[in-house]
PDB file of N, CA and C in Angstrom:
ATOM      1  N   UNK A   1      27.804   8.861  49.673  1.00  0.00           N
ATOM      2  CA  UNK A   1      29.020   8.616  48.958  1.00  0.00           C
ATOM      3  C   UNK A   1      30.169   8.683  49.964  1.00  0.00           C
ATOM      4  N   UNK A   2      31.082   7.744  49.872  1.00  0.00           N
ATOM      5  CA  UNK A   2      32.261   7.740  50.744  1.00  0.00           C
ATOM      6  C   UNK A   2      33.518   7.746  49.888  1.00  0.00           C
ATOM      7  N   UNK A   3      34.437   8.618  50.192  1.00  0.00           N
ATOM      8  CA  UNK A   3      35.711   8.739  49.462  1.00  0.00           C
ATOM      9  C   UNK A   3      35.520   8.765  47.948  1.00  0.00           C
ATOM     10  N   UNK A   4      34.599   9.616  47.489  1.00  0.00           N
ATOM     11  CA  UNK A   4      34.356   9.853  46.064  1.00  0.00           C
ATOM     12  C   UNK A   4      33.806   8.645  45.313  1.00  0.00           C
ATOM     13  N   UNK A   5      33.327   7.619  45.997  1.00  0.00           N
ATOM     14  CA  UNK A   5      32.796   6.438  45.334  1.00  0.00           C
ATOM     15  C   UNK A   5      31.272   6.483  45.405  1.00  0.00           C
ATOM     16  N   UNK A   6      30.614   6.744  44.269  1.00  0.00           N
ATOM     17  CA  UNK A   6      29.178   6.998  44.288  1.00  0.00           C
ATOM     18  C   UNK A   6      28.279   5.777  44.400  1.00  0.00           C
ATOM     19  N   UNK A   7      28.808   4.573  44.205  1.00  0.00           N
ATOM     20  CA  UNK A   7      27.900   3.426  44.228  1.00  0.00           C
ATOM     21  C   UNK A   7      27.537   3.019  45.642  1.00  0.00           C
ATOM     22  N   UNK A   8      26.711   2.004  45.738  1.00  0.00           N
ATOM     23  CA  UNK A   8      26.121   1.609  47.015  1.00  0.00           C
ATOM     24  C   UNK A   8      27.146   1.132  48.039  1.00  0.00           C
ATOM     25  N   UNK A   9      28.219   0.472  47.603  1.00  0.00           N
ATOM     26  CA  UNK A   9      29.241   0.008  48.537  1.00  0.00           C
ATOM     27  C   UNK A   9      30.602   0.487  48.063  1.00  0.00           C
ATOM     28  N   UNK A  10      31.200   1.393  48.805  1.00  0.00           N
ATOM     29  CA  UNK A  10      32.528   1.908  48.483  1.00  0.00           C
ATOM     30  C   UNK A  10      33.568   0.951  49.055  1.00  0.00           C
ATOM     31  N   UNK A  11      34.558   0.564  48.248  1.00  0.00           N
ATOM     32  CA  UNK A  11      35.586  -0.390  48.668  1.00  0.00           C
ATOM     33  C   UNK A  11      36.923   0.311  48.872  1.00  0.00           C
ATOM     34  N   UNK A  12      37.713  -0.189  49.821  1.00  0.00           N
ATOM     35  CA  UNK A  12      39.048   0.342  50.051  1.00  0.00           C
ATOM     36  C   UNK A  12      39.056   1.761  50.574  1.00  0.00           C
ATOM     37  N   UNK A  13      38.099   2.063  51.434  1.00  0.00           N
ATOM     38  CA  UNK A  13      37.947   3.408  51.977  1.00  0.00           C
ATOM     39  C   UNK A  13      39.035   3.675  53.010  1.00  0.00           C
ATOM     40  N   UNK A  14      39.482   4.918  53.082  1.00  0.00           N
ATOM     41  CA  UNK A  14      40.554   5.313  53.997  1.00  0.00           C
ATOM     42  C   UNK A  14      40.105   5.246  55.457  1.00  0.00           C
ATOM     43  N   UNK A  15      41.063   5.436  56.345  1.00  0.00           N
ATOM     44  CA  UNK A  15      40.779   5.423  57.789  1.00  0.00           C
ATOM     45  C   UNK A  15      39.954   6.634  58.214  1.00  0.00           C
ATOM     46  N   UNK A  16      39.933   7.670  57.380  1.00  0.00           N
ATOM     47  CA  UNK A  16      39.167   8.890  57.651  1.00  0.00           C
ATOM     48  C   UNK A  16      38.371   9.254  56.397  1.00  0.00           C
ATOM     49  N   UNK A  17      37.317   8.473  56.104  1.00  0.00           N
ATOM     50  CA  UNK A  17      36.600   8.691  54.846  1.00  0.00           C
ATOM     51  C   UNK A  17      35.942  10.064  54.763  1.00  0.00           C
ATOM     52  N   UNK A  18      35.757  10.506  53.541  1.00  0.00           N
ATOM     53  CA  UNK A  18      35.030  11.732  53.243  1.00  0.00           C
ATOM     54  C   UNK A  18      33.608  11.332  52.872  1.00  0.00           C
ATOM     55  N   UNK A  19      32.629  11.863  53.581  1.00  0.00           N
ATOM     56  CA  UNK A  19      31.229  11.511  53.350  1.00  0.00           C
ATOM     57  C   UNK A  19      30.518  12.663  52.654  1.00  0.00           C
ATOM     58  N   UNK A  20      29.643  12.342  51.710  1.00  0.00           N
ATOM     59  CA  UNK A  20      28.887  13.352  50.969  1.00  0.00           C
ATOM     60  C   UNK A  20      27.460  12.878  50.776  1.00  0.00           C
ATOM     61  N   UNK A  21      26.534  13.830  50.689  1.00  0.00           N
ATOM     62  CA  UNK A  21      25.133  13.513  50.470  1.00  0.00           C
ATOM     63  C   UNK A  21      24.444  14.665  49.759  1.00  0.00           C
ATOM     64  N   UNK A  22      23.303  14.349  49.178  1.00  0.00           N
ATOM     65  CA  UNK A  22      22.464  15.362  48.551  1.00  0.00           C
ATOM     66  C   UNK A  22      21.472  15.839  49.600  1.00  0.00           C
ATOM     67  N   UNK A  23      21.403  17.140  49.802  1.00  0.00           N
ATOM     68  CA  UNK A  23      20.469  17.698  50.782  1.00  0.00           C
ATOM     69  C   UNK A  23      19.053  17.537  50.232  1.00  0.00           C
ATOM     70  N   UNK A  24      18.193  16.802  50.949  1.00  0.00           N
ATOM     71  CA  UNK A  24      16.851  16.538  50.414  1.00  0.00           C
ATOM     72  C   UNK A  24      15.907  17.720  50.582  1.00  0.00           C
ATOM     73  N   UNK A  25      14.894  17.742  49.727  1.00  0.00           N
ATOM     74  CA  UNK A  25      13.809  18.707  49.916  1.00  0.00           C
ATOM     75  C   UNK A  25      13.069  18.294  51.182  1.00  0.00           C
ATOM     76  N   UNK A  26      12.541  19.233  51.883  1.00  0.00           N
ATOM     77  CA  UNK A  26      11.846  18.943  53.132  1.00  0.00           C
ATOM     78  C   UNK A  26      10.619  19.841  53.205  1.00  0.00           C
ATOM     79  N   UNK A  27       9.443  19.245  53.285  1.00  0.00           N
ATOM     80  CA  UNK A  27       8.220  20.036  53.334  1.00  0.00           C
ATOM     81  C   UNK A  27       8.061  20.841  52.059  1.00  0.00           C
ATOM     82  N   UNK A  28       7.637  22.077  52.186  1.00  0.00           N
ATOM     83  CA  UNK A  28       7.376  22.939  51.032  1.00  0.00           C
ATOM     84  C   UNK A  28       8.598  23.748  50.615  1.00  0.00           C
ATOM     85  N   UNK A  29       9.751  23.475  51.194  1.00  0.00           N
ATOM     86  CA  UNK A  29      10.967  24.226  50.874  1.00  0.00           C
ATOM     87  C   UNK A  29      11.452  23.794  49.493  1.00  0.00           C
ATOM     88  N   UNK A  30      11.483  24.724  48.534  1.00  0.00           N
ATOM     89  CA  UNK A  30      11.879  24.361  47.177  1.00  0.00           C
ATOM     90  C   UNK A  30      13.394  24.378  46.981  1.00  0.00           C
ATOM     91  N   UNK A  31      14.106  25.266  47.642  1.00  0.00           N
ATOM     92  CA  UNK A  31      15.565  25.322  47.558  1.00  0.00           C
ATOM     93  C   UNK A  31      16.121  25.257  48.975  1.00  0.00           C
ATOM     94  N   UNK A  32      16.243  24.048  49.508  1.00  0.00           N
ATOM     95  CA  UNK A  32      16.624  23.935  50.918  1.00  0.00           C
ATOM     96  C   UNK A  32      18.060  24.360  51.192  1.00  0.00           C
ATOM     97  N   UNK A  33      18.247  25.001  52.318  1.00  0.00           N
ATOM     98  CA  UNK A  33      19.564  25.370  52.816  1.00  0.00           C
ATOM     99  C   UNK A  33      19.802  24.518  54.064  1.00  0.00           C
ATOM    100  N   UNK A  34      20.810  23.661  54.016  1.00  0.00           N
ATOM    101  CA  UNK A  34      21.106  22.810  55.168  1.00  0.00           C
ATOM    102  C   UNK A  34      21.658  23.649  56.304  1.00  0.00           C
ATOM    103  N   UNK A  35      21.077  23.459  57.488  1.00  0.00           N
ATOM    104  CA  UNK A  35      21.555  24.153  58.686  1.00  0.00           C
ATOM    105  C   UNK A  35      22.371  23.226  59.586  1.00  0.00           C
ATOM    106  N   UNK A  36      22.046  21.919  59.542  1.00  0.00           N
ATOM    107  CA  UNK A  36      22.716  20.955  60.421  1.00  0.00           C
ATOM    108  C   UNK A  36      22.566  19.552  59.840  1.00  0.00           C
ATOM    109  N   UNK A  37      23.378  18.622  60.353  1.00  0.00           N
ATOM    110  CA  UNK A  37      23.274  17.218  59.966  1.00  0.00           C
ATOM    111  C   UNK A  37      23.593  16.337  61.165  1.00  0.00           C
ATOM    112  N   UNK A  38      23.212  15.071  61.039  1.00  0.00           N
ATOM    113  CA  UNK A  38      23.563  14.044  62.032  1.00  0.00           C
ATOM    114  C   UNK A  38      23.925  12.786  61.264  1.00  0.00           C
ATOM    115  N   UNK A  39      25.143  12.307  61.449  1.00  0.00           N
ATOM    116  CA  UNK A  39      25.618  11.098  60.786  1.00  0.00           C
ATOM    117  C   UNK A  39      25.637   9.958  61.798  1.00  0.00           C
ATOM    118  N   UNK A  40      25.099   8.812  61.392  1.00  0.00           N
ATOM    119  CA  UNK A  40      25.156   7.594  62.203  1.00  0.00           C
ATOM    120  C   UNK A  40      25.949   6.551  61.428  1.00  0.00           C
ATOM    121  N   UNK A  41      26.962   5.963  62.066  1.00  0.00           N
ATOM    122  CA  UNK A  41      27.782   4.924  61.445  1.00  0.00           C
ATOM    123  C   UNK A  41      27.687   3.668  62.300  1.00  0.00           C
ATOM    124  N   UNK A  42      27.485   2.532  61.635  1.00  0.00           N
ATOM    125  CA  UNK A  42      27.441   1.236  62.318  1.00  0.00           C
ATOM    126  C   UNK A  42      28.436   0.299  61.663  1.00  0.00           C
ATOM    127  N   UNK A  43      29.048  -0.562  62.470  1.00  0.00           N
ATOM    128  CA  UNK A  43      29.911  -1.607  61.919  1.00  0.00           C
ATOM    129  C   UNK A  43      29.052  -2.837  61.681  1.00  0.00           C
ATOM    130  N   UNK A  44      29.262  -3.465  60.537  1.00  0.00           N
ATOM    131  CA  UNK A  44      28.525  -4.681  60.212  1.00  0.00           C
ATOM    132  C   UNK A  44      29.320  -5.869  60.735  1.00  0.00           C
ATOM    133  N   UNK A  45      28.729  -6.615  61.670  1.00  0.00           N
ATOM    134  CA  UNK A  45      29.407  -7.767  62.281  1.00  0.00           C
ATOM    135  C   UNK A  45      28.484  -8.972  62.258  1.00  0.00           C
ATOM    136  N   UNK A  46      29.087 -10.144  62.126  1.00  0.00           N
ATOM    137  CA  UNK A  46      28.324 -11.383  62.239  1.00  0.00           C
ATOM    138  C   UNK A  46      28.369 -11.795  63.704  1.00  0.00           C
ATOM    139  N   UNK A  47      27.187 -11.896  64.307  1.00  0.00           N
ATOM    140  CA  UNK A  47      27.071 -12.310  65.703  1.00  0.00           C
ATOM    141  C   UNK A  47      26.042 -13.429  65.778  1.00  0.00           C
ATOM    142  N   UNK A  48      26.465 -14.585  66.268  1.00  0.00           N
ATOM    143  CA  UNK A  48      25.560 -15.721  66.356  1.00  0.00           C
ATOM    144  C   UNK A  48      25.043 -16.152  64.987  1.00  0.00           C
ATOM    145  N   UNK A  49      25.892 -16.018  63.960  1.00  0.00           N
ATOM    146  CA  UNK A  49      25.506 -16.412  62.612  1.00  0.00           C
ATOM    147  C   UNK A  49      24.594 -15.426  61.906  1.00  0.00           C
ATOM    148  N   UNK A  50      24.349 -14.259  62.530  1.00  0.00           N
ATOM    149  CA  UNK A  50      23.460 -13.254  61.954  1.00  0.00           C
ATOM    150  C   UNK A  50      24.251 -11.959  61.734  1.00  0.00           C
ATOM    151  N   UNK A  51      24.072 -11.351  60.552  1.00  0.00           N
ATOM    152  CA  UNK A  51      24.707 -10.072  60.275  1.00  0.00           C
ATOM    153  C   UNK A  51      23.965  -8.978  61.024  1.00  0.00           C
ATOM    154  N   UNK A  52      24.684  -8.224  61.846  1.00  0.00           N
ATOM    155  CA  UNK A  52      24.067  -7.169  62.652  1.00  0.00           C
ATOM    156  C   UNK A  52      24.820  -5.857  62.453  1.00  0.00           C
ATOM    157  N   UNK A  53      24.076  -4.760  62.589  1.00  0.00           N
ATOM    158  CA  UNK A  53      24.674  -3.428  62.613  1.00  0.00           C
ATOM    159  C   UNK A  53      24.933  -3.057  64.060  1.00  0.00           C
ATOM    160  N   UNK A  54      26.200  -2.855  64.400  1.00  0.00           N
ATOM    161  CA  UNK A  54      26.600  -2.487  65.750  1.00  0.00           C
ATOM    162  C   UNK A  54      26.942  -0.985  65.735  1.00  0.00           C
ATOM    163  N   UNK A  55      26.209  -0.166  66.504  1.00  0.00           N
ATOM    164  CA  UNK A  55      26.493   1.274  66.494  1.00  0.00           C
ATOM    165  C   UNK A  55      27.973   1.556  66.752  1.00  0.00           C
ATOM    166  N   UNK A  56      28.543   2.442  65.933  1.00  0.00           N
ATOM    167  CA  UNK A  56      29.962   2.770  66.047  1.00  0.00           C
ATOM    168  C   UNK A  56      30.180   4.255  66.352  1.00  0.00           C
ATOM    169  N   UNK A  57      29.367   5.142  65.716  1.00  0.00           N
ATOM    170  CA  UNK A  57      29.566   6.578  65.915  1.00  0.00           C
ATOM    171  C   UNK A  57      28.294   7.336  65.595  1.00  0.00           C
ATOM    172  N   UNK A  58      28.013   8.308  66.422  1.00  0.00           N
ATOM    173  CA  UNK A  58      26.891   9.222  66.230  1.00  0.00           C
ATOM    174  C   UNK A  58      27.478  10.630  66.310  1.00  0.00           C
ATOM    175  N   UNK A  59      27.416  11.361  65.209  1.00  0.00           N
ATOM    176  CA  UNK A  59      27.994  12.710  65.205  1.00  0.00           C
ATOM    177  C   UNK A  59      27.211  13.675  66.081  1.00  0.00           C
ATOM    178  N   UNK A  60      25.971  13.291  66.439  1.00  0.00           N
ATOM    179  CA  UNK A  60      25.097  14.237  67.108  1.00  0.00           C
ATOM    180  C   UNK A  60      24.703  15.307  66.100  1.00  0.00           C
ATOM    181  N   UNK A  61      23.757  16.139  66.457  1.00  0.00           N
ATOM    182  CA  UNK A  61      23.348  17.201  65.534  1.00  0.00           C
ATOM    183  C   UNK A  61      24.498  18.209  65.444  1.00  0.00           C
ATOM    184  N   UNK A  62      25.034  18.353  64.254  1.00  0.00           N
ATOM    185  CA  UNK A  62      26.188  19.204  63.992  1.00  0.00           C
ATOM    186  C   UNK A  62      25.737  20.402  63.167  1.00  0.00           C
ATOM    187  N   UNK A  63      25.890  21.589  63.702  1.00  0.00           N
ATOM    188  CA  UNK A  63      25.481  22.797  62.987  1.00  0.00           C
ATOM    189  C   UNK A  63      26.500  23.055  61.881  1.00  0.00           C
ATOM    190  N   UNK A  64      26.065  22.877  60.623  1.00  0.00           N
ATOM    191  CA  UNK A  64      26.953  23.049  59.477  1.00  0.00           C
ATOM    192  C   UNK A  64      26.138  22.958  58.197  1.00  0.00           C
ATOM    193  N   UNK A  65      26.551  23.712  57.183  1.00  0.00           N
ATOM    194  CA  UNK A  65      25.911  23.580  55.876  1.00  0.00           C
ATOM    195  C   UNK A  65      26.706  22.641  54.979  1.00  0.00           C
ATOM    196  N   UNK A  66      27.775  22.037  55.480  1.00  0.00           N
ATOM    197  CA  UNK A  66      28.608  21.117  54.703  1.00  0.00           C
ATOM    198  C   UNK A  66      27.840  19.840  54.383  1.00  0.00           C
ATOM    199  N   UNK A  67      27.899  19.415  53.122  1.00  0.00           N
ATOM    200  CA  UNK A  67      27.306  18.149  52.716  1.00  0.00           C
ATOM    201  C   UNK A  67      28.198  17.428  51.709  1.00  0.00           C
ATOM    202  N   UNK A  68      29.363  17.973  51.439  1.00  0.00           N
ATOM    203  CA  UNK A  68      30.311  17.389  50.494  1.00  0.00           C
ATOM    204  C   UNK A  68      31.669  17.276  51.182  1.00  0.00           C
ATOM    205  N   UNK A  69      32.264  16.092  51.099  1.00  0.00           N
ATOM    206  CA  UNK A  69      33.585  15.840  51.679  1.00  0.00           C
ATOM    207  C   UNK A  69      33.651  16.158  53.170  1.00  0.00           C
ATOM    208  N   UNK A  70      32.632  15.716  53.898  1.00  0.00           N
ATOM    209  CA  UNK A  70      32.617  15.866  55.355  1.00  0.00           C
ATOM    210  C   UNK A  70      33.497  14.750  55.925  1.00  0.00           C
ATOM    211  N   UNK A  71      34.539  15.116  56.626  1.00  0.00           N
ATOM    212  CA  UNK A  71      35.503  14.141  57.143  1.00  0.00           C
ATOM    213  C   UNK A  71      34.896  13.367  58.308  1.00  0.00           C
ATOM    214  N   UNK A  72      34.934  12.034  58.213  1.00  0.00           N
ATOM    215  CA  UNK A  72      34.530  11.174  59.326  1.00  0.00           C
ATOM    216  C   UNK A  72      35.420  11.520  60.514  1.00  0.00           C
ATOM    217  N   UNK A  73      34.821  11.803  61.664  1.00  0.00           N
ATOM    218  CA  UNK A  73      35.629  12.188  62.826  1.00  0.00           C
ATOM    219  C   UNK A  73      35.278  11.380  64.066  1.00  0.00           C
ATOM    220  N   UNK A  74      34.809  10.155  63.847  1.00  0.00           N
ATOM    221  CA  UNK A  74      34.468   9.282  64.966  1.00  0.00           C
ATOM    222  C   UNK A  74      35.650   8.444  65.410  1.00  0.00           C
ATOM    223  N   UNK A  75      35.374   7.421  66.216  1.00  0.00           N
ATOM    224  CA  UNK A  75      36.437   6.523  66.682  1.00  0.00           C
ATOM    225  C   UNK A  75      37.121   5.822  65.506  1.00  0.00           C
ATOM    226  N   UNK A  76      38.303   5.325  65.732  1.00  0.00           N
ATOM    227  CA  UNK A  76      39.073   4.644  64.689  1.00  0.00           C
ATOM    228  C   UNK A  76      38.244   3.556  64.021  1.00  0.00           C
ATOM    229  N   UNK A  77      38.425   3.441  62.717  1.00  0.00           N
ATOM    230  CA  UNK A  77      37.777   2.387  61.943  1.00  0.00           C
ATOM    231  C   UNK A  77      38.739   1.216  61.826  1.00  0.00           C
ATOM    232  N   UNK A  78      38.208   0.002  61.864  1.00  0.00           N
ATOM    233  CA  UNK A  78      39.037  -1.194  61.753  1.00  0.00           C
ATOM    234  C   UNK A  78      39.413  -1.422  60.286  1.00  0.00           C
ATOM    235  N   UNK A  79      40.641  -1.887  60.029  1.00  0.00           N
ATOM    236  CA  UNK A  79      41.025  -2.187  58.642  1.00  0.00           C
ATOM    237  C   UNK A  79      40.227  -3.376  58.108  1.00  0.00           C
ATOM    238  N   UNK A  80      39.819  -3.298  56.837  1.00  0.00           N
ATOM    239  CA  UNK A  80      39.109  -4.396  56.195  1.00  0.00           C
ATOM    240  C   UNK A  80      37.737  -4.682  56.779  1.00  0.00           C
ATOM    241  N   UNK A  81      37.115  -3.708  57.392  1.00  0.00           N
ATOM    242  CA  UNK A  81      35.808  -3.903  58.039  1.00  0.00           C
ATOM    243  C   UNK A  81      34.704  -3.224  57.231  1.00  0.00           C
ATOM    244  N   UNK A  82      33.495  -3.758  57.351  1.00  0.00           N
ATOM    245  CA  UNK A  82      32.333  -3.209  56.647  1.00  0.00           C
ATOM    246  C   UNK A  82      31.541  -2.312  57.597  1.00  0.00           C
ATOM    247  N   UNK A  83      31.149  -1.153  57.096  1.00  0.00           N
ATOM    248  CA  UNK A  83      30.371  -0.181  57.856  1.00  0.00           C
ATOM    249  C   UNK A  83      29.191   0.290  57.012  1.00  0.00           C
ATOM    250  N   UNK A  84      28.156   0.728  57.681  1.00  0.00           N
ATOM    251  CA  UNK A  84      27.050   1.381  56.985  1.00  0.00           C
ATOM    252  C   UNK A  84      26.811   2.714  57.680  1.00  0.00           C
ATOM    253  N   UNK A  85      26.237   3.653  56.914  1.00  0.00           N
ATOM    254  CA  UNK A  85      26.016   4.987  57.479  1.00  0.00           C
ATOM    255  C   UNK A  85      24.806   5.627  56.824  1.00  0.00           C
ATOM    256  N   UNK A  86      24.228   6.569  57.546  1.00  0.00           N
ATOM    257  CA  UNK A  86      23.170   7.401  56.974  1.00  0.00           C
ATOM    258  C   UNK A  86      23.233   8.774  57.620  1.00  0.00           C
ATOM    259  N   UNK A  87      22.455   9.694  57.053  1.00  0.00           N
ATOM    260  CA  UNK A  87      22.491  11.079  57.523  1.00  0.00           C
ATOM    261  C   UNK A  87      21.064  11.610  57.621  1.00  0.00           C
ATOM    262  N   UNK A  88      20.833  12.437  58.617  1.00  0.00           N
ATOM    263  CA  UNK A  88      19.597  13.205  58.763  1.00  0.00           C
ATOM    264  C   UNK A  88      20.008  14.663  58.671  1.00  0.00           C
ATOM    265  N   UNK A  89      19.202  15.472  57.968  1.00  0.00           N
ATOM    266  CA  UNK A  89      19.538  16.888  57.832  1.00  0.00           C
ATOM    267  C   UNK A  89      18.420  17.762  58.367  1.00  0.00           C
ATOM    268  N   UNK A  90      18.792  18.991  58.718  1.00  0.00           N
ATOM    269  CA  UNK A  90      17.840  20.025  59.113  1.00  0.00           C
ATOM    270  C   UNK A  90      18.006  21.149  58.100  1.00  0.00           C
ATOM    271  N   UNK A  91      16.911  21.542  57.458  1.00  0.00           N
ATOM    272  CA  UNK A  91      16.978  22.549  56.406  1.00  0.00           C
ATOM    273  C   UNK A  91      15.959  23.658  56.636  1.00  0.00           C
ATOM    274  N   UNK A  92      16.228  24.777  55.969  1.00  0.00           N
ATOM    275  CA  UNK A  92      15.317  25.923  55.988  1.00  0.00           C
ATOM    276  C   UNK A  92      15.366  26.552  54.609  1.00  0.00           C
ATOM    277  N   UNK A  93      14.409  27.417  54.331  1.00  0.00           N
ATOM    278  CA  UNK A  93      14.451  28.185  53.093  1.00  0.00           C
ATOM    279  C   UNK A  93      15.617  29.162  53.180  1.00  0.00           C
ATOM    280  N   UNK A  94      16.222  29.465  52.043  1.00  0.00           N
ATOM    281  CA  UNK A  94      17.350  30.397  52.023  1.00  0.00           C
ATOM    282  C   UNK A  94      16.973  31.696  52.728  1.00  0.00           C
ATOM    283  N   UNK A  95      17.834  32.141  53.640  1.00  0.00           N
ATOM    284  CA  UNK A  95      17.579  33.360  54.398  1.00  0.00           C
ATOM    285  C   UNK A  95      16.469  33.207  55.411  1.00  0.00           C
ATOM    286  N   UNK A  96      16.124  31.942  55.717  1.00  0.00           N
ATOM    287  CA  UNK A  96      14.919  31.665  56.487  1.00  0.00           C
ATOM    288  C   UNK A  96      15.083  31.451  57.966  1.00  0.00           C
ATOM    289  N   UNK A  97      14.713  30.291  58.401  1.00  0.00           N
ATOM    290  CA  UNK A  97      14.435  29.988  59.793  1.00  0.00           C
ATOM    291  C   UNK A  97      15.671  29.685  60.623  1.00  0.00           C
ATOM    292  N   UNK A  98      15.433  29.662  61.928  1.00  0.00           N
ATOM    293  CA  UNK A  98      16.467  29.236  62.861  1.00  0.00           C
ATOM    294  C   UNK A  98      16.472  27.708  62.908  1.00  0.00           C
ATOM    295  N   UNK A  99      17.490  27.147  63.518  1.00  0.00           N
ATOM    296  CA  UNK A  99      17.606  25.696  63.624  1.00  0.00           C
ATOM    297  C   UNK A  99      16.402  25.094  64.342  1.00  0.00           C
ATOM    298  N   UNK A 100      15.877  25.778  65.346  1.00  0.00           N
ATOM    299  CA  UNK A 100      14.736  25.257  66.094  1.00  0.00           C
ATOM    300  C   UNK A 100      13.473  25.180  65.225  1.00  0.00           C
ATOM    301  N   UNK A 101      13.397  25.996  64.177  1.00  0.00           N
ATOM    302  CA  UNK A 101      12.235  26.011  63.291  1.00  0.00           C
ATOM    303  C   UNK A 101      12.484  25.226  61.999  1.00  0.00           C
ATOM    304  N   UNK A 102      13.674  24.665  61.842  1.00  0.00           N
ATOM    305  CA  UNK A 102      14.060  23.996  60.604  1.00  0.00           C
ATOM    306  C   UNK A 102      13.276  22.707  60.399  1.00  0.00           C
ATOM    307  N   UNK A 103      13.243  22.281  59.157  1.00  0.00           N
ATOM    308  CA  UNK A 103      12.577  21.043  58.769  1.00  0.00           C
ATOM    309  C   UNK A 103      13.579  19.893  58.888  1.00  0.00           C
ATOM    310  N   UNK A 104      13.259  18.873  59.698  1.00  0.00           N
ATOM    311  CA  UNK A 104      14.131  17.713  59.867  1.00  0.00           C
ATOM    312  C   UNK A 104      13.750  16.666  58.843  1.00  0.00           C
ATOM    313  N   UNK A 105      14.739  16.183  58.088  1.00  0.00           N
ATOM    314  CA  UNK A 105      14.485  15.143  57.088  1.00  0.00           C
ATOM    315  C   UNK A 105      14.330  13.780  57.756  1.00  0.00           C
ATOM    316  N   UNK A 106      13.823  12.846  56.987  1.00  0.00           N
ATOM    317  CA  UNK A 106      13.884  11.442  57.395  1.00  0.00           C
ATOM    318  C   UNK A 106      15.335  11.005  57.242  1.00  0.00           C
ATOM    319  N   UNK A 107      15.782   9.989  57.984  1.00  0.00           N
ATOM    320  CA  UNK A 107      17.144   9.487  57.763  1.00  0.00           C
ATOM    321  C   UNK A 107      17.290   9.016  56.311  1.00  0.00           C
ATOM    322  N   UNK A 108      18.448   9.260  55.723  1.00  0.00           N
ATOM    323  CA  UNK A 108      18.701   8.828  54.351  1.00  0.00           C
ATOM    324  C   UNK A 108      18.755   7.304  54.285  1.00  0.00           C
ATOM    325  N   UNK A 109      18.722   6.795  53.061  1.00  0.00           N
ATOM    326  CA  UNK A 109      18.965   5.368  52.868  1.00  0.00           C
ATOM    327  C   UNK A 109      20.382   5.069  53.340  1.00  0.00           C
ATOM    328  N   UNK A 110      20.598   3.867  53.848  1.00  0.00           N
ATOM    329  CA  UNK A 110      21.924   3.515  54.344  1.00  0.00           C
ATOM    330  C   UNK A 110      22.868   3.252  53.173  1.00  0.00           C
ATOM    331  N   UNK A 111      24.095   3.720  53.308  1.00  0.00           N
ATOM    332  CA  UNK A 111      25.166   3.439  52.356  1.00  0.00           C
ATOM    333  C   UNK A 111      26.211   2.606  53.070  1.00  0.00           C
ATOM    334  N   UNK A 112      26.999   1.875  52.302  1.00  0.00           N
ATOM    335  CA  UNK A 112      28.018   1.010  52.895  1.00  0.00           C
ATOM    336  C   UNK A 112      29.402   1.407  52.415  1.00  0.00           C
ATOM    337  N   UNK A 113      30.380   1.120  53.254  1.00  0.00           N
ATOM    338  CA  UNK A 113      31.777   1.195  52.808  1.00  0.00           C
ATOM    339  C   UNK A 113      32.577   0.144  53.531  1.00  0.00           C
ATOM    340  N   UNK A 114      33.626  -0.297  52.860  1.00  0.00           N
ATOM    341  CA  UNK A 114      34.551  -1.277  53.438  1.00  0.00           C
ATOM    342  C   UNK A 114      35.920  -0.626  53.452  1.00  0.00           C
ATOM    343  N   UNK A 115      36.515  -0.609  54.625  1.00  0.00           N
ATOM    344  CA  UNK A 115      37.800   0.073  54.780  1.00  0.00           C
ATOM    345  C   UNK A 115      38.933  -0.710  54.105  1.00  0.00           C
ATOM    346  N   UNK A 116      39.972   0.015  53.735  1.00  0.00           N
ATOM    347  CA  UNK A 116      41.168  -0.586  53.158  1.00  0.00           C
ATOM    348  C   UNK A 116      41.930  -1.359  54.230  1.00  0.00           C
ATOM    349  N   UNK A 117      42.913  -2.105  53.815  1.00  0.00           N
ATOM    350  CA  UNK A 117      43.732  -2.872  54.755  1.00  0.00           C
ATOM    351  C   UNK A 117      44.906  -2.019  55.230  1.00  0.00           C
ATOM    352  N   UNK A 118      44.585  -0.868  55.817  1.00  0.00           N
ATOM    353  CA  UNK A 118      45.608   0.028  56.347  1.00  0.00           C
ATOM    354  C   UNK A 118      46.129  -0.521  57.664  1.00  0.00           C
ATOM    355  N   UNK A 119      47.257  -0.024  58.114  1.00  0.00           N
ATOM    356  CA  UNK A 119      47.799  -0.492  59.399  1.00  0.00           C
ATOM    357  C   UNK A 119      47.424   0.506  60.481  1.00  0.00           C
ATOM    358  N   UNK A 120      46.803  -0.050  61.569  1.00  0.00           N
ATOM    359  CA  UNK A 120      46.432   0.698  62.751  1.00  0.00           C
ATOM    360  C   UNK A 120      45.720   1.925  62.455  1.00  0.00           C
TER     361      UNK A 120
END
């Protein structure tokens, strides 16, 4: 979800969108506690008549339990441009493991957003 828009493509997203996701179950963990996440954002561009995802930002593994209203903190987003993003999480049982022992999720399904026509 980007900027509180739950559907597959969020329109008119701000220059600093708020990203949210549901922390997935991982392995046998019934109530997962997120220890870290990694967000990947790509810009959707037409190159040679083909729509391609061009890598734009990789948050790297970020130690945080935040999964709601995480502020995009990558390079500037272009106005009126289409982007896609997904997230990978590392989870443990509540009161459980260290990050090195955590369960890494598969990357989430990609979500899209299109930025508003903001200036610069």
